[in-house]
């Protein structure tokens, strides 16, 4: 029996955007604590996230560089966590239909 290694990468990167991924709060370094938050950041009921256009552009550039299949439709989902440093108890992730998939390094 012969096996083939298949390895997936999960990469986390800090992007050079002026606002956060899902709201219009600033990402300016050095500001006092709790001054760059909003109802979306804190997960208050009734608020909806809006994706950062520049971050999507960066994702598409990376997808092209890695020869990924770019999906014309993308789905975001809430992944539930119970961590003390995550007041919303969820993070927004992509499972079913990511911005891009496949590709190679």
N, C-alpha and C. Protein backbone atom coordinates (compact mmCIF):
# COMPACT_ATOMS: atom_id res chain seq x y z
N UNK A 1 0.85 -1.17 0.00
CA UNK A 1 0.00 0.00 0.00
C UNK A 1 0.90 1.24 0.00
N UNK A 2 0.56 2.19 -0.85
CA UNK A 2 1.34 3.43 -0.93
C UNK A 2 0.48 4.61 -0.49
N UNK A 3 1.08 5.49 0.28
CA UNK A 3 0.36 6.65 0.79
C UNK A 3 0.90 7.92 0.16
N UNK A 4 0.03 8.89 0.01
CA UNK A 4 0.42 10.20 -0.50
C UNK A 4 0.13 11.23 0.58
N UNK A 5 1.14 12.03 0.89
CA UNK A 5 0.95 13.08 1.90
C UNK A 5 0.19 14.25 1.29
N UNK A 6 -0.88 14.65 1.95
CA UNK A 6 -1.64 15.83 1.55
C UNK A 6 -1.61 16.79 2.74
N UNK A 7 -1.05 17.97 2.53
CA UNK A 7 -0.85 18.91 3.62
C UNK A 7 -1.60 20.20 3.33
N UNK A 8 -2.40 20.65 4.28
CA UNK A 8 -3.12 21.91 4.15
C UNK A 8 -2.49 22.96 5.03
N UNK A 9 -2.59 24.19 4.61
CA UNK A 9 -2.04 25.31 5.38
C UNK A 9 -3.15 26.23 5.86
N UNK A 10 -3.06 26.65 7.09
CA UNK A 10 -3.94 27.70 7.60
C UNK A 10 -3.02 28.86 7.96
N UNK A 11 -3.15 29.94 7.21
CA UNK A 11 -2.23 31.06 7.37
C UNK A 11 -2.97 32.25 7.98
N UNK A 12 -2.38 32.83 9.00
CA UNK A 12 -2.92 34.04 9.63
C UNK A 12 -1.96 35.17 9.31
N UNK A 13 -2.49 36.28 8.83
CA UNK A 13 -1.64 37.42 8.47
C UNK A 13 -2.33 38.72 8.88
N UNK A 14 -1.53 39.65 9.35
CA UNK A 14 -2.05 40.98 9.66
C UNK A 14 -1.96 41.81 8.39
N UNK A 15 -3.10 42.28 7.90
CA UNK A 15 -3.14 43.02 6.64
C UNK A 15 -2.96 44.51 6.88
N UNK A 16 -2.41 45.18 5.91
CA UNK A 16 -2.19 46.63 6.02
C UNK A 16 -3.42 47.39 5.53
N UNK A 17 -4.51 47.21 6.25
CA UNK A 17 -5.75 47.93 5.94
C UNK A 17 -5.96 49.01 7.00
N UNK A 18 -6.74 50.01 6.66
CA UNK A 18 -7.02 51.09 7.61
C UNK A 18 -8.14 50.76 8.58
N UNK A 19 -8.94 49.76 8.23
CA UNK A 19 -10.06 49.37 9.09
C UNK A 19 -10.04 47.86 9.32
N UNK A 20 -10.81 47.42 10.30
CA UNK A 20 -10.86 46.01 10.64
C UNK A 20 -11.58 45.21 9.55
N UNK A 21 -11.52 43.89 9.67
CA UNK A 21 -12.05 43.00 8.64
C UNK A 21 -13.56 43.13 8.45
N UNK A 22 -14.32 43.30 9.53
CA UNK A 22 -15.77 43.28 9.41
C UNK A 22 -16.46 44.53 9.93
N UNK A 23 -15.73 45.62 10.13
CA UNK A 23 -16.36 46.88 10.54
C UNK A 23 -15.46 48.04 10.13
N UNK A 24 -15.90 49.24 10.39
CA UNK A 24 -15.14 50.42 9.96
C UNK A 24 -14.24 50.98 11.06
N UNK A 25 -14.02 50.22 12.12
CA UNK A 25 -13.13 50.69 13.20
C UNK A 25 -11.68 50.73 12.72
N UNK A 26 -10.96 51.71 13.20
CA UNK A 26 -9.56 51.91 12.85
C UNK A 26 -8.69 50.75 13.33
N UNK A 27 -7.58 50.55 12.64
CA UNK A 27 -6.57 49.57 13.05
C UNK A 27 -5.27 50.27 13.44
N UNK A 28 -5.35 51.57 13.70
CA UNK A 28 -4.15 52.35 14.01
C UNK A 28 -3.46 51.81 15.26
N UNK A 29 -2.17 51.54 15.12
CA UNK A 29 -1.38 51.00 16.23
C UNK A 29 -1.11 52.08 17.27
N UNK A 30 -1.16 51.70 18.54
CA UNK A 30 -0.79 52.60 19.61
C UNK A 30 -1.92 53.37 20.25
N UNK A 31 -3.12 53.27 19.73
CA UNK A 31 -4.25 53.96 20.36
C UNK A 31 -4.59 53.31 21.70
N UNK A 32 -5.18 54.06 22.62
CA UNK A 32 -5.53 53.50 23.93
C UNK A 32 -6.50 52.32 23.80
N UNK A 33 -6.48 51.41 24.78
CA UNK A 33 -7.39 50.26 24.75
C UNK A 33 -8.85 50.69 24.68
N UNK A 34 -9.64 49.89 24.00
CA UNK A 34 -11.10 50.06 23.89
C UNK A 34 -11.52 51.37 23.23
N UNK A 35 -10.67 51.96 22.41
CA UNK A 35 -11.05 53.17 21.68
C UNK A 35 -11.32 52.87 20.21
N UNK A 36 -11.04 51.67 19.77
CA UNK A 36 -11.23 51.29 18.37
C UNK A 36 -12.20 50.12 18.28
N UNK A 37 -13.34 50.26 18.96
CA UNK A 37 -14.35 49.21 18.96
C UNK A 37 -15.72 49.80 18.65
N UNK A 38 -16.63 48.94 18.27
CA UNK A 38 -17.99 49.36 17.92
C UNK A 38 -18.95 48.22 18.25
N UNK A 39 -20.24 48.39 18.02
CA UNK A 39 -21.19 47.31 18.28
C UNK A 39 -20.89 46.03 17.49
N UNK A 40 -20.33 46.16 16.28
CA UNK A 40 -19.97 44.96 15.51
C UNK A 40 -18.82 44.23 16.19
N UNK A 41 -17.79 44.97 16.60
CA UNK A 41 -16.63 44.37 17.27
C UNK A 41 -17.04 43.59 18.52
N UNK A 42 -17.96 44.14 19.26
CA UNK A 42 -18.35 43.52 20.53
C UNK A 42 -19.50 42.53 20.39
N UNK A 43 -20.02 42.39 19.17
CA UNK A 43 -21.05 41.39 18.91
C UNK A 43 -22.40 41.70 19.52
N UNK A 44 -22.75 42.97 19.59
CA UNK A 44 -24.05 43.33 20.16
C UNK A 44 -25.19 42.82 19.28
N UNK A 45 -26.31 42.47 19.87
CA UNK A 45 -27.45 41.96 19.10
C UNK A 45 -27.92 42.97 18.05
N UNK A 46 -28.28 42.44 16.89
CA UNK A 46 -28.86 43.27 15.84
C UNK A 46 -27.87 43.91 14.88
N UNK A 47 -26.58 43.76 15.13
CA UNK A 47 -25.60 44.37 14.22
C UNK A 47 -25.09 43.32 13.23
N UNK A 48 -24.78 43.77 12.04
CA UNK A 48 -24.28 42.87 11.01
C UNK A 48 -22.92 43.34 10.51
N UNK A 49 -22.00 42.42 10.30
CA UNK A 49 -20.68 42.79 9.80
C UNK A 49 -20.73 43.17 8.32
N UNK A 50 -19.81 44.03 7.91
CA UNK A 50 -19.62 44.40 6.50
C UNK A 50 -18.16 44.13 6.18
N UNK A 51 -17.90 43.33 5.18
CA UNK A 51 -16.54 42.89 4.88
C UNK A 51 -15.68 44.04 4.35
N UNK A 52 -14.42 44.03 4.70
CA UNK A 52 -13.45 45.03 4.29
C UNK A 52 -13.05 44.77 2.83
N UNK A 53 -13.36 45.69 1.94
CA UNK A 53 -13.11 45.53 0.51
C UNK A 53 -11.62 45.33 0.22
N UNK A 54 -10.77 46.09 0.89
CA UNK A 54 -9.32 45.99 0.66
C UNK A 54 -8.81 44.59 1.05
N UNK A 55 -9.34 44.03 2.12
CA UNK A 55 -8.94 42.68 2.54
C UNK A 55 -9.33 41.64 1.49
N UNK A 56 -10.50 41.82 0.89
CA UNK A 56 -10.93 40.91 -0.18
C UNK A 56 -10.00 41.05 -1.39
N UNK A 57 -9.61 42.27 -1.71
CA UNK A 57 -8.66 42.48 -2.81
C UNK A 57 -7.34 41.77 -2.54
N UNK A 58 -6.85 41.86 -1.30
CA UNK A 58 -5.62 41.14 -0.93
C UNK A 58 -5.80 39.63 -1.08
N UNK A 59 -6.95 39.12 -0.65
CA UNK A 59 -7.22 37.68 -0.75
C UNK A 59 -7.24 37.24 -2.21
N UNK A 60 -7.83 38.04 -3.07
CA UNK A 60 -7.88 37.70 -4.50
C UNK A 60 -6.50 37.74 -5.14
N UNK A 61 -5.67 38.70 -4.74
CA UNK A 61 -4.29 38.76 -5.25
C UNK A 61 -3.51 37.51 -4.84
N UNK A 62 -3.67 37.10 -3.59
CA UNK A 62 -3.00 35.89 -3.12
C UNK A 62 -3.52 34.66 -3.86
N UNK A 63 -4.83 34.60 -4.06
CA UNK A 63 -5.43 33.47 -4.78
C UNK A 63 -4.86 33.37 -6.20
N UNK A 64 -4.71 34.50 -6.86
CA UNK A 64 -4.12 34.49 -8.21
C UNK A 64 -2.66 34.03 -8.17
N UNK A 65 -1.91 34.51 -7.17
CA UNK A 65 -0.50 34.14 -7.05
C UNK A 65 -0.32 32.65 -6.78
N UNK A 66 -1.28 32.04 -6.08
CA UNK A 66 -1.20 30.62 -5.75
C UNK A 66 -1.94 29.73 -6.74
N UNK A 67 -2.45 30.35 -7.82
CA UNK A 67 -3.19 29.63 -8.86
C UNK A 67 -4.41 28.90 -8.28
N UNK A 68 -5.13 29.59 -7.42
CA UNK A 68 -6.34 29.03 -6.81
C UNK A 68 -7.54 29.19 -7.74
N UNK A 69 -8.57 28.42 -7.47
CA UNK A 69 -9.86 28.61 -8.12
C UNK A 69 -10.59 29.69 -7.33
N UNK A 70 -10.93 30.78 -7.97
CA UNK A 70 -11.65 31.87 -7.30
C UNK A 70 -13.14 31.65 -7.48
N UNK A 71 -13.85 31.59 -6.37
CA UNK A 71 -15.30 31.38 -6.41
C UNK A 71 -16.02 32.71 -6.64
N UNK A 72 -17.03 32.69 -7.47
CA UNK A 72 -17.81 33.89 -7.75
C UNK A 72 -18.74 34.23 -6.59
N UNK A 73 -19.02 33.24 -5.74
CA UNK A 73 -19.86 33.44 -4.56
C UNK A 73 -19.07 32.92 -3.36
N UNK A 74 -19.21 33.59 -2.24
CA UNK A 74 -18.50 33.20 -1.03
C UNK A 74 -19.46 33.25 0.16
N UNK A 75 -19.30 32.33 1.10
CA UNK A 75 -20.18 32.28 2.27
C UNK A 75 -19.35 32.43 3.54
N UNK A 76 -19.78 33.33 4.41
CA UNK A 76 -19.17 33.51 5.73
C UNK A 76 -20.09 32.86 6.77
N UNK A 77 -19.49 32.24 7.78
CA UNK A 77 -20.28 31.59 8.83
C UNK A 77 -19.67 31.91 10.20
N UNK A 78 -20.51 31.88 11.22
CA UNK A 78 -20.04 32.11 12.58
C UNK A 78 -19.61 30.78 13.19
N UNK A 79 -18.36 30.73 13.65
CA UNK A 79 -17.82 29.55 14.31
C UNK A 79 -17.79 29.86 15.81
N UNK A 80 -18.49 29.07 16.59
CA UNK A 80 -18.65 29.34 18.02
C UNK A 80 -17.44 28.87 18.82
N UNK A 81 -16.96 29.74 19.69
CA UNK A 81 -15.89 29.42 20.63
C UNK A 81 -16.29 29.93 22.00
N UNK A 82 -15.76 29.32 23.03
CA UNK A 82 -15.98 29.80 24.40
C UNK A 82 -14.63 30.11 25.02
N UNK A 83 -14.05 31.24 24.62
CA UNK A 83 -12.77 31.69 25.14
C UNK A 83 -13.00 32.98 25.93
N UNK A 84 -12.31 33.16 27.05
CA UNK A 84 -12.52 34.38 27.85
C UNK A 84 -12.13 35.66 27.13
N UNK A 85 -11.22 35.58 26.16
CA UNK A 85 -10.80 36.79 25.45
C UNK A 85 -11.60 37.02 24.17
N UNK A 86 -12.68 36.29 23.99
CA UNK A 86 -13.53 36.43 22.80
C UNK A 86 -14.97 36.70 23.27
N UNK A 87 -15.29 37.97 23.54
CA UNK A 87 -16.60 38.29 24.14
C UNK A 87 -17.80 37.91 23.27
N UNK A 88 -17.62 37.85 21.96
CA UNK A 88 -18.73 37.51 21.08
C UNK A 88 -19.03 36.01 21.10
N UNK A 89 -18.05 35.22 21.54
CA UNK A 89 -18.13 33.75 21.52
C UNK A 89 -18.23 33.17 20.11
N UNK A 90 -17.83 33.94 19.11
CA UNK A 90 -17.75 33.40 17.76
C UNK A 90 -16.71 34.18 16.95
N UNK A 91 -16.24 33.52 15.90
CA UNK A 91 -15.44 34.23 14.90
C UNK A 91 -16.06 33.93 13.55
N UNK A 92 -15.83 34.79 12.60
CA UNK A 92 -16.40 34.61 11.27
C UNK A 92 -15.38 33.86 10.43
N UNK A 93 -15.82 32.73 9.86
CA UNK A 93 -14.94 31.86 9.09
C UNK A 93 -15.60 31.49 7.77
N UNK A 94 -14.84 30.82 6.92
CA UNK A 94 -15.36 30.32 5.65
C UNK A 94 -15.16 28.82 5.59
N UNK A 95 -16.24 28.07 5.44
CA UNK A 95 -16.17 26.61 5.34
C UNK A 95 -16.73 26.15 4.00
N UNK A 96 -18.02 26.39 3.81
CA UNK A 96 -18.72 25.86 2.66
C UNK A 96 -18.18 26.40 1.34
N UNK A 97 -18.03 27.70 1.26
CA UNK A 97 -17.66 28.33 0.00
C UNK A 97 -16.70 29.49 0.26
N UNK A 98 -15.40 29.21 0.32
CA UNK A 98 -14.42 30.27 0.58
C UNK A 98 -14.22 31.17 -0.64
N UNK A 99 -13.54 32.27 -0.43
CA UNK A 99 -13.24 33.20 -1.53
C UNK A 99 -12.48 32.47 -2.64
N UNK A 100 -11.53 31.63 -2.23
CA UNK A 100 -10.74 30.86 -3.21
C UNK A 100 -10.38 29.52 -2.58
N UNK A 101 -10.07 28.55 -3.42
CA UNK A 101 -9.67 27.24 -2.92
C UNK A 101 -8.73 26.56 -3.89
N UNK A 102 -8.07 25.52 -3.40
CA UNK A 102 -7.08 24.83 -4.22
C UNK A 102 -5.79 25.61 -4.26
N UNK A 103 -5.10 25.55 -5.37
CA UNK A 103 -3.85 26.27 -5.51
C UNK A 103 -2.68 25.48 -4.97
N UNK A 104 -1.50 26.05 -5.11
CA UNK A 104 -0.28 25.37 -4.66
C UNK A 104 0.80 26.39 -4.38
N UNK A 105 1.72 25.98 -3.51
CA UNK A 105 2.86 26.83 -3.18
C UNK A 105 4.04 26.38 -4.03
